[in-house]
């Protein structure tokens, strides 16, 4: 699995499933960077074969449509798409 860690203020665990070529995924990463929070992301288009299928199955557990970006917050809540207000609400104290 190709998780990339972005350093920042520690808070709730954040995992972003994304595509490197997706504008909405880039906006979500940009927002998380702007908020200065630590998070991890996986660009699914950078994966191959079995690993890619395993990650898609993971995404489907949170988001049956498997659309991206999919942000998992604290391993309990899922935000699908770029929803700036919702993301701010969930990741800022």
PDB file of N, CA and C in Angstrom:
ATOM      1  N   UNK A   1       0.848  -1.179   0.000  1.00  0.00           N
ATOM      2  CA  UNK A   1       0.000   0.000   0.000  1.00  0.00           C
ATOM      3  C   UNK A   1       0.892   1.241   0.000  1.00  0.00           C
ATOM      4  N   UNK A   2       0.553   2.215  -0.795  1.00  0.00           N
ATOM      5  CA  UNK A   2       1.375   3.399  -0.995  1.00  0.00           C
ATOM      6  C   UNK A   2       0.759   4.612  -0.289  1.00  0.00           C
ATOM      7  N   UNK A   3       0.770   4.598   1.043  1.00  0.00           N
ATOM      8  CA  UNK A   3       0.262   5.738   1.811  1.00  0.00           C
ATOM      9  C   UNK A   3       1.354   6.788   1.903  1.00  0.00           C
ATOM     10  N   UNK A   4       0.951   8.029   1.734  1.00  0.00           N
ATOM     11  CA  UNK A   4       1.872   9.148   1.874  1.00  0.00           C
ATOM     12  C   UNK A   4       1.414   9.953   3.075  1.00  0.00           C
ATOM     13  N   UNK A   5       2.330  10.234   3.976  1.00  0.00           N
ATOM     14  CA  UNK A   5       2.002  11.007   5.178  1.00  0.00           C
ATOM     15  C   UNK A   5       2.366  12.459   4.953  1.00  0.00           C
ATOM     16  N   UNK A   6       1.429  13.335   5.288  1.00  0.00           N
ATOM     17  CA  UNK A   6       1.657  14.773   5.247  1.00  0.00           C
ATOM     18  C   UNK A   6       1.665  15.247   6.692  1.00  0.00           C
ATOM     19  N   UNK A   7       2.768  15.838   7.086  1.00  0.00           N
ATOM     20  CA  UNK A   7       2.905  16.287   8.474  1.00  0.00           C
ATOM     21  C   UNK A   7       2.068  17.535   8.723  1.00  0.00           C
ATOM     22  N   UNK A   8       1.630  17.663   9.956  1.00  0.00           N
ATOM     23  CA  UNK A   8       0.843  18.814  10.366  1.00  0.00           C
ATOM     24  C   UNK A   8       0.403  18.635  11.801  1.00  0.00           C
ATOM     25  N   UNK A   9      -0.538  19.468  12.201  1.00  0.00           N
ATOM     26  CA  UNK A   9      -1.080  19.392  13.558  1.00  0.00           C
ATOM     27  C   UNK A   9      -1.814  18.073  13.720  1.00  0.00           C
ATOM     28  N   UNK A  10      -1.475  17.371  14.781  1.00  0.00           N
ATOM     29  CA  UNK A  10      -2.114  16.080  15.046  1.00  0.00           C
ATOM     30  C   UNK A  10      -3.527  16.312  15.571  1.00  0.00           C
ATOM     31  N   UNK A  11      -4.409  15.489  15.136  1.00  0.00           N
ATOM     32  CA  UNK A  11      -5.797  15.535  15.569  1.00  0.00           C
ATOM     33  C   UNK A  11      -6.397  14.177  15.297  1.00  0.00           C
ATOM     34  N   UNK A  12      -7.584  14.165  14.749  1.00  0.00           N
ATOM     35  CA  UNK A  12      -8.199  12.890  14.395  1.00  0.00           C
ATOM     36  C   UNK A  12      -7.459  12.307  13.191  1.00  0.00           C
ATOM     37  N   UNK A  13      -7.335  10.973  13.129  1.00  0.00           N
ATOM     38  CA  UNK A  13      -6.691  10.359  11.970  1.00  0.00           C
ATOM     39  C   UNK A  13      -7.498  10.629  10.696  1.00  0.00           C
ATOM     40  N   UNK A  14      -6.789  11.014   9.637  1.00  0.00           N
ATOM     41  CA  UNK A  14      -7.406  11.313   8.356  1.00  0.00           C
ATOM     42  C   UNK A  14      -6.739  10.481   7.273  1.00  0.00           C
ATOM     43  N   UNK A  15      -7.549   9.808   6.466  1.00  0.00           N
ATOM     44  CA  UNK A  15      -7.044   9.046   5.333  1.00  0.00           C
ATOM     45  C   UNK A  15      -7.843   9.441   4.102  1.00  0.00           C
ATOM     46  N   UNK A  16      -7.137   9.938   3.093  1.00  0.00           N
ATOM     47  CA  UNK A  16      -7.764  10.398   1.867  1.00  0.00           C
ATOM     48  C   UNK A  16      -7.439   9.437   0.731  1.00  0.00           C
ATOM     49  N   UNK A  17      -8.483   8.894   0.122  1.00  0.00           N
ATOM     50  CA  UNK A  17      -8.335   8.101  -1.093  1.00  0.00           C
ATOM     51  C   UNK A  17      -8.554   9.067  -2.249  1.00  0.00           C
ATOM     52  N   UNK A  18      -7.610   9.086  -3.196  1.00  0.00           N
ATOM     53  CA  UNK A  18      -7.655  10.104  -4.238  1.00  0.00           C
ATOM     54  C   UNK A  18      -7.061   9.587  -5.541  1.00  0.00           C
ATOM     55  N   UNK A  19      -7.113  10.457  -6.539  1.00  0.00           N
ATOM     56  CA  UNK A  19      -6.404  10.265  -7.799  1.00  0.00           C
ATOM     57  C   UNK A  19      -5.491  11.468  -7.982  1.00  0.00           C
ATOM     58  N   UNK A  20      -4.285  11.240  -8.444  1.00  0.00           N
ATOM     59  CA  UNK A  20      -3.341  12.349  -8.617  1.00  0.00           C
ATOM     60  C   UNK A  20      -3.803  13.319  -9.702  1.00  0.00           C
ATOM     61  N   UNK A  21      -4.641  12.879 -10.613  1.00  0.00           N
ATOM     62  CA  UNK A  21      -5.090  13.696 -11.737  1.00  0.00           C
ATOM     63  C   UNK A  21      -6.433  14.381 -11.506  1.00  0.00           C
ATOM     64  N   UNK A  22      -7.050  14.153 -10.356  1.00  0.00           N
ATOM     65  CA  UNK A  22      -8.397  14.655 -10.060  1.00  0.00           C
ATOM     66  C   UNK A  22      -8.332  16.049  -9.434  1.00  0.00           C
ATOM     67  N   UNK A  23      -9.007  17.001 -10.055  1.00  0.00           N
ATOM     68  CA  UNK A  23      -9.031  18.361  -9.526  1.00  0.00           C
ATOM     69  C   UNK A  23      -9.661  18.457  -8.150  1.00  0.00           C
ATOM     70  N   UNK A  24     -10.750  17.708  -7.913  1.00  0.00           N
ATOM     71  CA  UNK A  24     -11.415  17.744  -6.599  1.00  0.00           C
ATOM     72  C   UNK A  24     -10.535  17.102  -5.537  1.00  0.00           C
ATOM     73  N   UNK A  25      -9.780  16.091  -5.914  1.00  0.00           N
ATOM     74  CA  UNK A  25      -8.841  15.461  -4.982  1.00  0.00           C
ATOM     75  C   UNK A  25      -7.741  16.452  -4.603  1.00  0.00           C
ATOM     76  N   UNK A  26      -7.234  17.185  -5.596  1.00  0.00           N
ATOM     77  CA  UNK A  26      -6.198  18.198  -5.329  1.00  0.00           C
ATOM     78  C   UNK A  26      -6.751  19.299  -4.427  1.00  0.00           C
ATOM     79  N   UNK A  27      -8.015  19.694  -4.656  1.00  0.00           N
ATOM     80  CA  UNK A  27      -8.629  20.716  -3.795  1.00  0.00           C
ATOM     81  C   UNK A  27      -8.749  20.214  -2.355  1.00  0.00           C
ATOM     82  N   UNK A  28      -9.093  18.941  -2.185  1.00  0.00           N
ATOM     83  CA  UNK A  28      -9.207  18.379  -0.843  1.00  0.00           C
ATOM     84  C   UNK A  28      -7.849  18.367  -0.162  1.00  0.00           C
ATOM     85  N   UNK A  29      -6.815  17.925  -0.861  1.00  0.00           N
ATOM     86  CA  UNK A  29      -5.453  17.961  -0.304  1.00  0.00           C
ATOM     87  C   UNK A  29      -5.056  19.388   0.039  1.00  0.00           C
ATOM     88  N   UNK A  30      -5.376  20.328  -0.848  1.00  0.00           N
ATOM     89  CA  UNK A  30      -5.049  21.733  -0.601  1.00  0.00           C
ATOM     90  C   UNK A  30      -5.734  22.265   0.640  1.00  0.00           C
ATOM     91  N   UNK A  31      -6.992  21.899   0.838  1.00  0.00           N
ATOM     92  CA  UNK A  31      -7.723  22.341   2.027  1.00  0.00           C
ATOM     93  C   UNK A  31      -7.094  21.763   3.289  1.00  0.00           C
ATOM     94  N   UNK A  32      -6.780  20.471   3.264  1.00  0.00           N
ATOM     95  CA  UNK A  32      -6.145  19.852   4.433  1.00  0.00           C
ATOM     96  C   UNK A  32      -4.799  20.510   4.720  1.00  0.00           C
ATOM     97  N   UNK A  33      -4.047  20.836   3.668  1.00  0.00           N
ATOM     98  CA  UNK A  33      -2.768  21.534   3.848  1.00  0.00           C
ATOM     99  C   UNK A  33      -2.995  22.921   4.435  1.00  0.00           C
ATOM    100  N   UNK A  34      -3.999  23.637   3.914  1.00  0.00           N
ATOM    101  CA  UNK A  34      -4.331  24.967   4.418  1.00  0.00           C
ATOM    102  C   UNK A  34      -4.705  24.918   5.897  1.00  0.00           C
ATOM    103  N   UNK A  35      -5.430  23.881   6.285  1.00  0.00           N
ATOM    104  CA  UNK A  35      -5.839  23.732   7.684  1.00  0.00           C
ATOM    105  C   UNK A  35      -4.680  23.302   8.571  1.00  0.00           C
ATOM    106  N   UNK A  36      -3.596  22.855   7.958  1.00  0.00           N
ATOM    107  CA  UNK A  36      -2.388  22.507   8.707  1.00  0.00           C
ATOM    108  C   UNK A  36      -2.494  21.223   9.503  1.00  0.00           C
ATOM    109  N   UNK A  37      -3.367  20.312   9.071  1.00  0.00           N
ATOM    110  CA  UNK A  37      -3.555  19.065   9.802  1.00  0.00           C
ATOM    111  C   UNK A  37      -2.728  17.943   9.179  1.00  0.00           C
ATOM    112  N   UNK A  38      -2.326  17.011  10.023  1.00  0.00           N
ATOM    113  CA  UNK A  38      -1.628  15.825   9.537  1.00  0.00           C
ATOM    114  C   UNK A  38      -2.652  14.895   8.891  1.00  0.00           C
ATOM    115  N   UNK A  39      -2.255  14.265   7.786  1.00  0.00           N
ATOM    116  CA  UNK A  39      -3.136  13.297   7.135  1.00  0.00           C
ATOM    117  C   UNK A  39      -2.309  12.357   6.277  1.00  0.00           C
ATOM    118  N   UNK A  40      -2.943  11.279   5.873  1.00  0.00           N
ATOM    119  CA  UNK A  40      -2.334  10.348   4.943  1.00  0.00           C
ATOM    120  C   UNK A  40      -3.217  10.290   3.702  1.00  0.00           C
ATOM    121  N   UNK A  41      -2.596  10.047   2.554  1.00  0.00           N
ATOM    122  CA  UNK A  41      -3.388   9.865   1.345  1.00  0.00           C
ATOM    123  C   UNK A  41      -2.821   8.731   0.514  1.00  0.00           C
ATOM    124  N   UNK A  42      -3.700   8.174  -0.296  1.00  0.00           N
ATOM    125  CA  UNK A  42      -3.334   7.129  -1.250  1.00  0.00           C
ATOM    126  C   UNK A  42      -3.881   7.564  -2.601  1.00  0.00           C
ATOM    127  N   UNK A  43      -2.984   7.758  -3.576  1.00  0.00           N
ATOM    128  CA  UNK A  43      -3.404   8.033  -4.948  1.00  0.00           C
ATOM    129  C   UNK A  43      -3.584   6.691  -5.643  1.00  0.00           C
ATOM    130  N   UNK A  44      -4.830   6.330  -5.880  1.00  0.00           N
ATOM    131  CA  UNK A  44      -5.127   5.014  -6.450  1.00  0.00           C
ATOM    132  C   UNK A  44      -4.557   4.831  -7.847  1.00  0.00           C
ATOM    133  N   UNK A  45      -4.405   5.909  -8.598  1.00  0.00           N
ATOM    134  CA  UNK A  45      -3.862   5.771  -9.945  1.00  0.00           C
ATOM    135  C   UNK A  45      -2.362   5.480  -9.938  1.00  0.00           C
ATOM    136  N   UNK A  46      -1.733   5.535  -8.778  1.00  0.00           N
ATOM    137  CA  UNK A  46      -0.316   5.193  -8.663  1.00  0.00           C
ATOM    138  C   UNK A  46      -0.093   3.739  -8.274  1.00  0.00           C
ATOM    139  N   UNK A  47      -1.170   2.974  -8.171  1.00  0.00           N
ATOM    140  CA  UNK A  47      -1.083   1.579  -7.751  1.00  0.00           C
ATOM    141  C   UNK A  47      -1.291   0.646  -8.939  1.00  0.00           C
ATOM    142  N   UNK A  48      -0.843  -0.588  -8.777  1.00  0.00           N
ATOM    143  CA  UNK A  48      -0.985  -1.576  -9.843  1.00  0.00           C
ATOM    144  C   UNK A  48      -1.717  -2.814  -9.344  1.00  0.00           C
ATOM    145  N   UNK A  49      -2.356  -3.487 -10.281  1.00  0.00           N
ATOM    146  CA  UNK A  49      -2.903  -4.819 -10.099  1.00  0.00           C
ATOM    147  C   UNK A  49      -3.658  -5.075  -8.821  1.00  0.00           C
ATOM    148  N   UNK A  50      -3.179  -6.070  -8.084  1.00  0.00           N
ATOM    149  CA  UNK A  50      -3.860  -6.540  -6.882  1.00  0.00           C
ATOM    150  C   UNK A  50      -3.938  -5.457  -5.813  1.00  0.00           C
ATOM    151  N   UNK A  51      -2.896  -4.653  -5.675  1.00  0.00           N
ATOM    152  CA  UNK A  51      -2.890  -3.581  -4.679  1.00  0.00           C
ATOM    153  C   UNK A  51      -3.987  -2.566  -4.993  1.00  0.00           C
ATOM    154  N   UNK A  52      -4.115  -2.218  -6.262  1.00  0.00           N
ATOM    155  CA  UNK A  52      -5.140  -1.261  -6.684  1.00  0.00           C
ATOM    156  C   UNK A  52      -6.540  -1.814  -6.392  1.00  0.00           C
ATOM    157  N   UNK A  53      -6.758  -3.071  -6.683  1.00  0.00           N
ATOM    158  CA  UNK A  53      -8.062  -3.688  -6.419  1.00  0.00           C
ATOM    159  C   UNK A  53      -8.353  -3.754  -4.925  1.00  0.00           C
ATOM    160  N   UNK A  54      -7.346  -4.032  -4.122  1.00  0.00           N
ATOM    161  CA  UNK A  54      -7.511  -4.076  -2.670  1.00  0.00           C
ATOM    162  C   UNK A  54      -7.903  -2.693  -2.139  1.00  0.00           C
ATOM    163  N   UNK A  55      -7.269  -1.645  -2.674  1.00  0.00           N
ATOM    164  CA  UNK A  55      -7.591  -0.286  -2.242  1.00  0.00           C
ATOM    165  C   UNK A  55      -8.995   0.122  -2.699  1.00  0.00           C
ATOM    166  N   UNK A  56      -9.402  -0.274  -3.902  1.00  0.00           N
ATOM    167  CA  UNK A  56     -10.769   0.011  -4.355  1.00  0.00           C
ATOM    168  C   UNK A  56     -11.787  -0.662  -3.444  1.00  0.00           C
ATOM    169  N   UNK A  57     -11.493  -1.882  -3.013  1.00  0.00           N
ATOM    170  CA  UNK A  57     -12.392  -2.590  -2.091  1.00  0.00           C
ATOM    171  C   UNK A  57     -12.476  -1.840  -0.764  1.00  0.00           C
ATOM    172  N   UNK A  58     -11.352  -1.287  -0.313  1.00  0.00           N
ATOM    173  CA  UNK A  58     -11.339  -0.488   0.920  1.00  0.00           C
ATOM    174  C   UNK A  58     -12.223   0.742   0.758  1.00  0.00           C
ATOM    175  N   UNK A  59     -12.080   1.417  -0.366  1.00  0.00           N
ATOM    176  CA  UNK A  59     -12.889   2.609  -0.620  1.00  0.00           C
ATOM    177  C   UNK A  59     -14.370   2.242  -0.630  1.00  0.00           C
ATOM    178  N   UNK A  60     -14.727   1.130  -1.271  1.00  0.00           N
ATOM    179  CA  UNK A  60     -16.133   0.705  -1.349  1.00  0.00           C
ATOM    180  C   UNK A  60     -16.747   0.456   0.025  1.00  0.00           C
ATOM    181  N   UNK A  61     -15.936   0.078   1.001  1.00  0.00           N
ATOM    182  CA  UNK A  61     -16.461  -0.113   2.361  1.00  0.00           C
ATOM    183  C   UNK A  61     -16.996   1.206   2.912  1.00  0.00           C
ATOM    184  N   UNK A  62     -16.377   2.300   2.526  1.00  0.00           N
ATOM    185  CA  UNK A  62     -16.792   3.621   2.993  1.00  0.00           C
ATOM    186  C   UNK A  62     -17.755   4.288   2.019  1.00  0.00           C
ATOM    187  N   UNK A  63     -17.541   4.048   0.737  1.00  0.00           N
ATOM    188  CA  UNK A  63     -18.265   4.749  -0.312  1.00  0.00           C
ATOM    189  C   UNK A  63     -18.582   3.736  -1.417  1.00  0.00           C
ATOM    190  N   UNK A  64     -19.769   3.132  -1.378  1.00  0.00           N
ATOM    191  CA  UNK A  64     -20.126   2.078  -2.330  1.00  0.00           C
ATOM    192  C   UNK A  64     -19.972   2.475  -3.800  1.00  0.00           C
ATOM    193  N   UNK A  65     -20.083   3.771  -4.102  1.00  0.00           N
ATOM    194  CA  UNK A  65     -19.908   4.227  -5.482  1.00  0.00           C
ATOM    195  C   UNK A  65     -18.442   4.278  -5.892  1.00  0.00           C
ATOM    196  N   UNK A  66     -17.553   4.205  -4.914  1.00  0.00           N
ATOM    197  CA  UNK A  66     -16.107   4.212  -5.160  1.00  0.00           C
ATOM    198  C   UNK A  66     -15.658   5.488  -5.877  1.00  0.00           C
ATOM    199  N   UNK A  67     -16.363   6.590  -5.635  1.00  0.00           N
ATOM    200  CA  UNK A  67     -15.980   7.864  -6.236  1.00  0.00           C
ATOM    201  C   UNK A  67     -14.919   8.540  -5.364  1.00  0.00           C
ATOM    202  N   UNK A  68     -14.172   9.416  -5.983  1.00  0.00           N
ATOM    203  CA  UNK A  68     -13.068  10.073  -5.291  1.00  0.00           C
ATOM    204  C   UNK A  68     -13.211  11.578  -5.447  1.00  0.00           C
ATOM    205  N   UNK A  69     -12.739  12.338  -4.468  1.00  0.00           N
ATOM    206  CA  UNK A  69     -12.049  11.921  -3.258  1.00  0.00           C
ATOM    207  C   UNK A  69     -13.002  11.314  -2.225  1.00  0.00           C
ATOM    208  N   UNK A  70     -12.445  10.413  -1.437  1.00  0.00           N
ATOM    209  CA  UNK A  70     -13.132   9.834  -0.287  1.00  0.00           C
ATOM    210  C   UNK A  70     -12.219  10.050   0.916  1.00  0.00           C
ATOM    211  N   UNK A  71     -12.695  10.824   1.877  1.00  0.00           N
ATOM    212  CA  UNK A  71     -11.918  11.144   3.072  1.00  0.00           C
ATOM    213  C   UNK A  71     -12.510  10.406   4.264  1.00  0.00           C
ATOM    214  N   UNK A  72     -11.690   9.598   4.924  1.00  0.00           N
ATOM    215  CA  UNK A  72     -12.119   8.866   6.115  1.00  0.00           C
ATOM    216  C   UNK A  72     -11.569   9.606   7.330  1.00  0.00           C
ATOM    217  N   UNK A  73     -12.480  10.001   8.208  1.00  0.00           N
ATOM    218  CA  UNK A  73     -12.138  10.794   9.386  1.00  0.00           C
ATOM    219  C   UNK A  73     -12.296   9.934  10.625  1.00  0.00           C
ATOM    220  N   UNK A  74     -11.202   9.739  11.349  1.00  0.00           N
ATOM    221  CA  UNK A  74     -11.195   9.011  12.618  1.00  0.00           C
ATOM    222  C   UNK A  74     -11.732   7.581  12.471  1.00  0.00           C
ATOM    223  N   UNK A  75     -11.582   7.021  11.305  1.00  0.00           N
ATOM    224  CA  UNK A  75     -12.026   5.651  11.017  1.00  0.00           C
ATOM    225  C   UNK A  75     -13.502   5.428  11.371  1.00  0.00           C
ATOM    226  N   UNK A  76     -14.286   6.547  11.336  1.00  0.00           N
ATOM    227  CA  UNK A  76     -15.711   6.456  11.672  1.00  0.00           C
ATOM    228  C   UNK A  76     -16.610   7.190  10.697  1.00  0.00           C
ATOM    229  N   UNK A  77     -16.114   8.274  10.130  1.00  0.00           N
ATOM    230  CA  UNK A  77     -16.930   9.139   9.289  1.00  0.00           C
ATOM    231  C   UNK A  77     -16.299   9.249   7.912  1.00  0.00           C
ATOM    232  N   UNK A  78     -17.136   9.318   6.902  1.00  0.00           N
ATOM    233  CA  UNK A  78     -16.658   9.409   5.523  1.00  0.00           C
ATOM    234  C   UNK A  78     -17.230  10.661   4.864  1.00  0.00           C
ATOM    235  N   UNK A  79     -16.369  11.398   4.175  1.00  0.00           N
ATOM    236  CA  UNK A  79     -16.794  12.546   3.384  1.00  0.00           C
ATOM    237  C   UNK A  79     -16.474  12.221   1.930  1.00  0.00           C
ATOM    238  N   UNK A  80     -17.497  12.197   1.096  1.00  0.00           N
ATOM    239  CA  UNK A  80     -17.323  11.878  -0.319  1.00  0.00           C
ATOM    240  C   UNK A  80     -17.375  13.167  -1.121  1.00  0.00           C
ATOM    241  N   UNK A  81     -16.381  13.368  -1.961  1.00  0.00           N
ATOM    242  CA  UNK A  81     -16.312  14.580  -2.770  1.00  0.00           C
ATOM    243  C   UNK A  81     -15.674  15.717  -1.981  1.00  0.00           C
ATOM    244  N   UNK A  82     -15.543  16.845  -2.637  1.00  0.00           N
ATOM    245  CA  UNK A  82     -14.974  18.023  -1.987  1.00  0.00           C
ATOM    246  C   UNK A  82     -16.103  18.790  -1.313  1.00  0.00           C
ATOM    247  N   UNK A  83     -16.202  18.612   0.003  1.00  0.00           N
ATOM    248  CA  UNK A  83     -17.222  19.284   0.807  1.00  0.00           C
ATOM    249  C   UNK A  83     -16.500  20.139   1.844  1.00  0.00           C
ATOM    250  N   UNK A  84     -16.100  21.325   1.413  1.00  0.00           N
ATOM    251  CA  UNK A  84     -15.234  22.165   2.236  1.00  0.00           C
ATOM    252  C   UNK A  84     -15.778  22.402   3.638  1.00  0.00           C
ATOM    253  N   UNK A  85     -17.027  22.807   3.757  1.00  0.00           N
ATOM    254  CA  UNK A  85     -17.578  23.111   5.083  1.00  0.00           C
ATOM    255  C   UNK A  85     -17.585  21.875   5.980  1.00  0.00           C
ATOM    256  N   UNK A  86     -17.967  20.746   5.435  1.00  0.00           N
ATOM    257  CA  UNK A  86     -18.023  19.498   6.223  1.00  0.00           C
ATOM    258  C   UNK A  86     -16.628  19.092   6.671  1.00  0.00           C
ATOM    259  N   UNK A  87     -15.657  19.200   5.784  1.00  0.00           N
ATOM    260  CA  UNK A  87     -14.276  18.843   6.138  1.00  0.00           C
ATOM    261  C   UNK A  87     -13.770  19.763   7.239  1.00  0.00           C
ATOM    262  N   UNK A  88     -13.994  21.062   7.077  1.00  0.00           N
ATOM    263  CA  UNK A  88     -13.557  22.011   8.121  1.00  0.00           C
ATOM    264  C   UNK A  88     -14.192  21.661   9.469  1.00  0.00           C
ATOM    265  N   UNK A  89     -15.472  21.348   9.446  1.00  0.00           N
ATOM    266  CA  UNK A  89     -16.202  21.016  10.663  1.00  0.00           C
ATOM    267  C   UNK A  89     -15.611  19.786  11.355  1.00  0.00           C
ATOM    268  N   UNK A  90     -15.217  18.785  10.573  1.00  0.00           N
ATOM    269  CA  UNK A  90     -14.731  17.523  11.141  1.00  0.00           C
ATOM    270  C   UNK A  90     -13.278  17.551  11.594  1.00  0.00           C
ATOM    271  N   UNK A  91     -12.458  18.406  10.967  1.00  0.00           N
ATOM    272  CA  UNK A  91     -11.011  18.328  11.274  1.00  0.00           C
ATOM    273  C   UNK A  91     -10.469  19.498  12.072  1.00  0.00           C
ATOM    274  N   UNK A  92     -11.246  20.536  12.283  1.00  0.00           N
ATOM    275  CA  UNK A  92     -10.743  21.657  13.081  1.00  0.00           C
ATOM    276  C   UNK A  92     -11.386  21.643  14.456  1.00  0.00           C
ATOM    277  N   UNK A  93     -10.578  21.944  15.466  1.00  0.00           N
ATOM    278  CA  UNK A  93     -11.107  21.916  16.844  1.00  0.00           C
ATOM    279  C   UNK A  93     -12.082  23.051  17.107  1.00  0.00           C
TER     280      UNK A  93
END
